[in-house]
N, C-alpha and C. Protein backbone atom coordinates (compact mmCIF):
# COMPACT_ATOMS: atom_id res chain seq x y z
N UNK A 1 149.70 65.90 319.33
CA UNK A 1 149.67 65.94 320.69
C UNK A 1 149.10 64.98 321.22
N UNK A 2 149.22 64.21 322.59
CA UNK A 2 148.37 63.17 323.05
C UNK A 2 147.97 63.82 324.66
N UNK A 3 147.11 63.11 325.05
CA UNK A 3 146.94 63.38 326.64
C UNK A 3 147.71 62.97 327.24
N UNK A 4 149.04 62.00 326.84
CA UNK A 4 149.87 61.45 327.76
C UNK A 4 150.82 62.64 328.38
N UNK A 5 151.02 63.45 327.45
CA UNK A 5 152.01 64.87 327.61
C UNK A 5 151.30 65.93 327.91
N UNK A 6 150.07 65.92 328.55
CA UNK A 6 149.57 67.37 329.21
C UNK A 6 149.20 66.53 330.81
N UNK A 7 149.54 68.22 331.42
CA UNK A 7 149.15 68.18 332.69
C UNK A 7 148.31 68.87 333.05
N UNK A 8 146.89 68.39 333.97
CA UNK A 8 145.87 69.43 334.13
C UNK A 8 146.41 70.47 335.08
N UNK A 9 146.05 71.64 335.36
CA UNK A 9 145.81 72.73 335.51
C UNK A 9 145.20 72.92 337.09
N UNK A 10 144.37 71.63 336.75
CA UNK A 10 143.19 71.84 338.06
C UNK A 10 143.64 70.90 339.43
N UNK A 11 144.59 69.83 338.77
CA UNK A 11 144.59 68.53 339.49
C UNK A 11 146.23 68.24 339.52
N UNK A 12 146.40 68.63 338.59
CA UNK A 12 147.97 68.72 338.54
C UNK A 12 148.81 66.94 338.19
N UNK A 13 147.66 66.62 337.73
CA UNK A 13 148.01 64.96 337.21
C UNK A 13 147.70 64.98 335.86
N UNK A 14 147.98 63.98 335.03
CA UNK A 14 148.01 63.83 333.61
C UNK A 14 146.63 63.92 333.30
N UNK A 15 146.62 64.21 331.77
CA UNK A 15 144.86 64.65 331.49
C UNK A 15 144.39 63.33 331.42
N UNK A 16 145.28 62.30 330.94
CA UNK A 16 145.08 60.55 330.56
C UNK A 16 144.66 59.88 331.55
N UNK A 17 145.00 60.34 332.56
CA UNK A 17 144.31 59.75 334.06
C UNK A 17 143.08 59.71 334.02
N UNK A 18 142.93 61.61 334.15
CA UNK A 18 141.19 61.43 334.07
C UNK A 18 140.81 61.62 335.64
N UNK A 19 141.55 62.34 336.65
CA UNK A 19 141.31 62.62 338.03
C UNK A 19 140.25 63.40 338.14
N UNK A 20 139.94 64.36 337.82
CA UNK A 20 139.16 65.34 338.11
C UNK A 20 138.10 65.63 336.73
N UNK A 21 137.06 66.29 336.86
CA UNK A 21 135.97 66.68 335.47
C UNK A 21 137.02 67.58 334.47
N UNK A 22 137.28 68.44 335.17
CA UNK A 22 138.49 69.07 333.69
C UNK A 22 139.33 67.93 332.81
N UNK A 23 139.69 67.05 333.73
CA UNK A 23 140.90 66.19 332.82
C UNK A 23 139.66 65.53 331.90
N UNK A 24 138.82 64.82 332.33
CA UNK A 24 138.05 64.08 331.41
C UNK A 24 137.28 64.79 330.56
N UNK A 25 137.00 66.17 330.73
CA UNK A 25 136.11 66.86 329.53
C UNK A 25 137.55 67.14 328.49
N UNK A 26 138.50 67.47 329.24
CA UNK A 26 139.35 68.08 327.97
C UNK A 26 140.14 66.79 327.06
N UNK A 27 140.10 65.56 327.82
CA UNK A 27 140.44 64.27 327.01
C UNK A 27 139.37 63.86 326.32
N UNK A 28 137.97 63.90 326.53
CA UNK A 28 137.08 63.84 325.38
C UNK A 28 136.90 64.57 324.40
N UNK A 29 137.06 66.01 324.59
CA UNK A 29 137.59 66.96 323.71
C UNK A 29 138.62 66.79 322.61
N UNK A 30 139.85 66.00 323.20
CA UNK A 30 141.03 65.71 322.08
C UNK A 30 140.51 64.77 321.62
N UNK A 31 139.78 63.73 321.88
CA UNK A 31 139.52 62.59 321.59
C UNK A 31 138.40 63.05 320.13
N UNK A 32 137.80 63.92 320.35
CA UNK A 32 136.51 64.42 319.37
C UNK A 32 137.55 65.13 318.06
N UNK A 33 138.60 65.72 318.39
CA UNK A 33 139.22 66.32 317.23
C UNK A 33 139.91 65.26 316.51
N UNK A 34 140.65 64.25 317.19
CA UNK A 34 141.55 63.07 316.59
C UNK A 34 140.61 62.30 315.85
N UNK A 35 139.51 62.63 315.61
CA UNK A 35 138.49 61.68 314.73
C UNK A 35 138.81 62.53 313.27
N UNK A 36 138.60 63.77 313.39
CA UNK A 36 138.73 64.59 312.18
C UNK A 36 140.33 64.27 311.52
N UNK A 37 140.25 63.65 310.30
CA UNK A 37 141.66 63.77 309.39
C UNK A 37 142.55 64.68 309.28
N UNK A 38 142.28 66.00 309.26
CA UNK A 38 142.83 67.18 309.06
C UNK A 38 142.93 67.77 310.21
N UNK A 39 142.94 67.26 311.45
CA UNK A 39 143.22 67.82 312.82
C UNK A 39 144.44 67.73 313.28
N UNK A 40 145.20 66.68 312.44
CA UNK A 40 146.77 66.22 313.12
C UNK A 40 147.78 67.04 312.17
N UNK A 41 147.30 67.91 310.94
CA UNK A 41 147.81 68.47 309.47
C UNK A 41 148.06 70.14 310.77
N UNK A 42 149.64 70.28 310.52
CA UNK A 42 149.85 72.03 310.56
C UNK A 42 148.96 72.78 309.25
N UNK A 43 149.30 73.80 309.75
CA UNK A 43 148.76 74.97 308.47
C UNK A 43 150.02 74.57 307.53
N UNK A 44 151.19 74.42 307.88
CA UNK A 44 152.03 74.31 306.68
C UNK A 44 151.64 73.47 305.73
N UNK A 45 151.67 72.21 306.54
CA UNK A 45 151.36 70.94 305.87
C UNK A 45 150.33 70.72 304.74
N UNK A 46 149.17 71.53 305.60
CA UNK A 46 147.92 71.82 304.65
C UNK A 46 147.87 72.89 303.33
N UNK A 47 148.88 73.81 303.43
CA UNK A 47 149.16 74.55 302.56
C UNK A 47 149.91 73.91 301.21
N UNK A 48 151.11 73.28 301.51
CA UNK A 48 151.16 72.26 300.56
C UNK A 48 150.59 71.26 300.05
N UNK A 49 149.73 70.64 301.05
CA UNK A 49 148.90 70.04 300.11
C UNK A 49 148.09 70.67 299.22
N UNK A 50 147.33 71.85 299.56
CA UNK A 50 146.47 72.54 298.17
C UNK A 50 147.50 72.98 297.10
N UNK A 51 148.54 73.49 297.52
CA UNK A 51 149.44 73.84 296.39
C UNK A 51 149.60 72.75 295.47
N UNK A 52 149.90 71.68 296.11
CA UNK A 52 150.60 70.41 295.25
C UNK A 52 149.12 69.82 294.37
N UNK A 53 147.84 69.90 294.65
CA UNK A 53 146.66 69.39 294.25
C UNK A 53 146.72 70.56 293.12
N UNK A 54 146.58 71.48 293.06
CA UNK A 54 146.82 72.96 292.37
C UNK A 54 147.60 72.64 290.87
N UNK A 55 148.73 71.83 291.53
CA UNK A 55 149.65 71.80 290.52
C UNK A 55 149.52 70.70 289.61
N UNK A 56 148.94 69.73 290.60
CA UNK A 56 148.69 68.54 289.72
C UNK A 56 147.13 68.72 288.72
N UNK A 57 146.61 69.96 289.10
CA UNK A 57 145.18 69.98 288.56
C UNK A 57 145.94 70.78 287.40
N UNK A 58 146.74 71.74 287.58
CA UNK A 58 147.64 72.72 286.17
C UNK A 58 148.50 71.81 285.24
N UNK A 59 149.01 70.79 285.59
CA UNK A 59 149.73 69.49 284.84
C UNK A 59 148.29 69.20 284.01
N UNK A 60 147.33 68.82 284.49
CA UNK A 60 146.28 67.68 283.92
C UNK A 60 145.50 68.43 282.94
N UNK A 61 145.35 69.78 283.18
CA UNK A 61 145.00 70.73 282.20
C UNK A 61 145.66 71.06 281.21
N UNK A 62 146.96 71.30 281.22
CA UNK A 62 147.56 71.45 280.46
C UNK A 62 147.78 70.36 279.51
N UNK A 63 147.96 68.94 280.09
CA UNK A 63 148.25 67.60 279.12
C UNK A 63 146.91 67.52 278.54
N UNK A 64 145.72 67.63 279.22
CA UNK A 64 144.46 67.60 278.09
C UNK A 64 144.25 68.26 277.33
N UNK A 65 144.77 69.20 276.78
CA UNK A 65 144.43 70.55 276.20
C UNK A 65 144.84 70.76 274.76
């Protein structure tokens, strides 16, 4: 989600505009969260990634044994 789609409950403006201190604080917090590469993954996608990695590890283990 981006700041363009969020409406501030304090000033009723878009968060991306940063009209009030609440907007600016939330915009800064969202920008910090977007720096984390796993922040954009949903829990289902993260679980699928883990299951996929486990499957690859099991196949590699069987191939090398």
